Amino acid sequence: MYEHFFQCPYCWEEISMLLDTSVRQQTYIEDCEVCCNPIELTPEFQEHELVGFSANDIDQ
């Protein structure tokens, strides 16, 4: 597991999430631990190193 810090696209607070390094690329939804809004997360790993990451709001 890899801990990554990023800014919430809704409340702009810095939050952290644990990411699974065994999956090369994935997209999933996780709620912000501060404001509880859903965030679309897209991490990308190469050889267990984070090479790309995006955290986007979801139009509701």
N, C-alpha and C. Protein backbone atom coordinates (compact mmCIF):
# COMPACT_ATOMS: atom_id res chain seq x y z
N MET A 1 0.84 -1.19 0.00
CA MET A 1 0.00 0.00 0.00
C MET A 1 0.89 1.25 0.00
N TYR A 2 0.36 2.30 -0.59
CA TYR A 2 1.11 3.54 -0.76
C TYR A 2 0.23 4.69 -0.27
N GLU A 3 0.71 5.49 0.68
CA GLU A 3 -0.06 6.63 1.17
C GLU A 3 0.25 7.84 0.29
N HIS A 4 -0.83 8.45 -0.24
CA HIS A 4 -0.67 9.60 -1.13
C HIS A 4 -1.49 10.76 -0.58
N PHE A 5 -0.89 11.94 -0.51
CA PHE A 5 -1.56 13.15 -0.06
C PHE A 5 -1.95 13.99 -1.27
N PHE A 6 -3.17 14.54 -1.25
CA PHE A 6 -3.65 15.38 -2.34
C PHE A 6 -4.73 16.31 -1.82
N GLN A 7 -5.13 17.27 -2.64
CA GLN A 7 -6.12 18.25 -2.26
C GLN A 7 -7.50 17.84 -2.76
N CYS A 8 -8.50 17.90 -1.89
CA CYS A 8 -9.88 17.58 -2.27
C CYS A 8 -10.37 18.62 -3.28
N PRO A 9 -10.99 18.18 -4.39
CA PRO A 9 -11.48 19.13 -5.39
C PRO A 9 -12.73 19.90 -4.95
N TYR A 10 -13.30 19.56 -3.80
CA TYR A 10 -14.48 20.26 -3.28
C TYR A 10 -14.12 21.26 -2.18
N CYS A 11 -13.49 20.77 -1.12
CA CYS A 11 -13.23 21.61 0.05
C CYS A 11 -11.78 22.12 0.12
N TRP A 12 -10.93 21.64 -0.78
CA TRP A 12 -9.53 22.06 -0.91
C TRP A 12 -8.65 21.68 0.28
N GLU A 13 -9.17 20.84 1.17
CA GLU A 13 -8.36 20.35 2.29
C GLU A 13 -7.39 19.28 1.80
N GLU A 14 -6.23 19.21 2.42
CA GLU A 14 -5.29 18.14 2.08
C GLU A 14 -5.74 16.87 2.80
N ILE A 15 -5.89 15.81 2.04
CA ILE A 15 -6.28 14.52 2.61
C ILE A 15 -5.31 13.46 2.10
N SER A 16 -5.35 12.31 2.73
CA SER A 16 -4.50 11.21 2.28
C SER A 16 -5.35 9.98 2.06
N MET A 17 -4.89 9.15 1.15
CA MET A 17 -5.56 7.87 0.87
C MET A 17 -4.48 6.81 0.70
N LEU A 18 -4.84 5.60 1.07
CA LEU A 18 -3.95 4.47 0.82
C LEU A 18 -4.29 3.89 -0.54
N LEU A 19 -3.29 3.76 -1.40
CA LEU A 19 -3.48 3.27 -2.75
C LEU A 19 -2.83 1.90 -2.89
N ASP A 20 -3.47 1.02 -3.63
CA ASP A 20 -2.97 -0.33 -3.87
C ASP A 20 -1.98 -0.32 -5.03
N THR A 21 -0.71 -0.57 -4.74
CA THR A 21 0.34 -0.52 -5.76
C THR A 21 0.36 -1.76 -6.65
N SER A 22 -0.40 -2.79 -6.30
CA SER A 22 -0.39 -4.02 -7.10
C SER A 22 -1.23 -3.92 -8.37
N VAL A 23 -2.07 -2.88 -8.48
CA VAL A 23 -2.89 -2.66 -9.67
C VAL A 23 -2.26 -1.50 -10.44
N ARG A 24 -1.86 -1.76 -11.69
CA ARG A 24 -1.12 -0.76 -12.47
C ARG A 24 -1.89 0.53 -12.67
N GLN A 25 -3.14 0.44 -13.11
CA GLN A 25 -3.98 1.62 -13.30
C GLN A 25 -5.40 1.28 -12.92
N GLN A 26 -6.05 2.19 -12.20
CA GLN A 26 -7.43 1.97 -11.79
C GLN A 26 -8.14 3.30 -11.65
N THR A 27 -9.46 3.25 -11.69
CA THR A 27 -10.29 4.42 -11.43
C THR A 27 -11.40 3.98 -10.49
N TYR A 28 -11.57 4.73 -9.42
CA TYR A 28 -12.62 4.39 -8.46
C TYR A 28 -13.08 5.64 -7.74
N ILE A 29 -14.19 5.52 -7.01
CA ILE A 29 -14.80 6.63 -6.28
C ILE A 29 -14.56 6.42 -4.79
N GLU A 30 -14.12 7.49 -4.14
CA GLU A 30 -13.89 7.46 -2.69
C GLU A 30 -14.40 8.79 -2.14
N ASP A 31 -15.05 8.75 -0.97
CA ASP A 31 -15.54 9.98 -0.35
C ASP A 31 -14.41 10.71 0.36
N CYS A 32 -14.43 12.05 0.30
CA CYS A 32 -13.48 12.87 1.03
C CYS A 32 -13.70 12.65 2.52
N GLU A 33 -12.63 12.47 3.26
CA GLU A 33 -12.75 12.24 4.70
C GLU A 33 -13.10 13.51 5.47
N VAL A 34 -13.04 14.68 4.82
CA VAL A 34 -13.37 15.95 5.48
C VAL A 34 -14.80 16.38 5.15
N CYS A 35 -15.12 16.50 3.84
CA CYS A 35 -16.44 17.03 3.44
C CYS A 35 -17.41 15.95 2.96
N CYS A 36 -16.94 14.72 2.82
CA CYS A 36 -17.77 13.55 2.44
C CYS A 36 -18.28 13.57 1.00
N ASN A 37 -17.78 14.46 0.15
CA ASN A 37 -18.17 14.45 -1.26
C ASN A 37 -17.40 13.37 -2.01
N PRO A 38 -18.01 12.80 -3.07
CA PRO A 38 -17.35 11.74 -3.82
C PRO A 38 -16.27 12.28 -4.75
N ILE A 39 -15.11 11.63 -4.74
CA ILE A 39 -13.97 12.01 -5.56
C ILE A 39 -13.63 10.84 -6.48
N GLU A 40 -13.45 11.12 -7.76
CA GLU A 40 -13.00 10.10 -8.70
C GLU A 40 -11.46 10.08 -8.68
N LEU A 41 -10.90 8.98 -8.23
CA LEU A 41 -9.46 8.83 -8.11
C LEU A 41 -8.93 7.94 -9.22
N THR A 42 -7.83 8.37 -9.83
CA THR A 42 -7.19 7.58 -10.88
C THR A 42 -5.68 7.55 -10.64
N PRO A 43 -5.22 6.55 -9.87
CA PRO A 43 -3.77 6.40 -9.70
C PRO A 43 -3.19 5.48 -10.77
N GLU A 44 -1.93 5.70 -11.12
CA GLU A 44 -1.23 4.85 -12.07
C GLU A 44 0.16 4.53 -11.51
N PHE A 45 0.48 3.25 -11.50
CA PHE A 45 1.75 2.79 -10.95
C PHE A 45 2.57 2.08 -12.02
N GLN A 46 3.89 2.20 -11.91
CA GLN A 46 4.82 1.40 -12.70
C GLN A 46 5.85 0.85 -11.74
N GLU A 47 5.97 -0.45 -11.69
CA GLU A 47 6.88 -1.12 -10.78
C GLU A 47 6.71 -0.64 -9.34
N HIS A 48 5.46 -0.52 -8.91
CA HIS A 48 5.05 -0.12 -7.57
C HIS A 48 5.41 1.31 -7.21
N GLU A 49 5.73 2.14 -8.20
CA GLU A 49 5.99 3.56 -8.00
C GLU A 49 4.85 4.36 -8.63
N LEU A 50 4.34 5.35 -7.92
CA LEU A 50 3.26 6.19 -8.44
C LEU A 50 3.81 7.10 -9.54
N VAL A 51 3.25 6.98 -10.75
CA VAL A 51 3.72 7.79 -11.88
C VAL A 51 2.64 8.76 -12.38
N GLY A 52 1.41 8.58 -11.93
CA GLY A 52 0.32 9.48 -12.32
C GLY A 52 -0.80 9.42 -11.31
N PHE A 53 -1.47 10.54 -11.09
CA PHE A 53 -2.57 10.57 -10.14
C PHE A 53 -3.49 11.73 -10.48
N SER A 54 -4.80 11.47 -10.46
CA SER A 54 -5.76 12.56 -10.58
C SER A 54 -6.89 12.34 -9.58
N ALA A 55 -7.39 13.45 -9.06
CA ALA A 55 -8.51 13.44 -8.13
C ALA A 55 -9.50 14.49 -8.64
N ASN A 56 -10.64 14.03 -9.15
CA ASN A 56 -11.60 14.92 -9.79
C ASN A 56 -12.94 14.89 -9.09
N ASP A 57 -13.63 16.05 -9.12
CA ASP A 57 -14.99 16.08 -8.59
C ASP A 57 -15.92 15.36 -9.55
N ILE A 58 -17.08 15.00 -9.03
CA ILE A 58 -18.08 14.28 -9.83
C ILE A 58 -19.31 15.18 -9.94
N ASP A 59 -19.68 15.52 -11.14
CA ASP A 59 -20.87 16.35 -11.34
C ASP A 59 -22.09 15.57 -10.89
N GLN A 60 -22.80 16.14 -9.94
CA GLN A 60 -23.98 15.46 -9.39
C GLN A 60 -25.23 16.19 -9.78
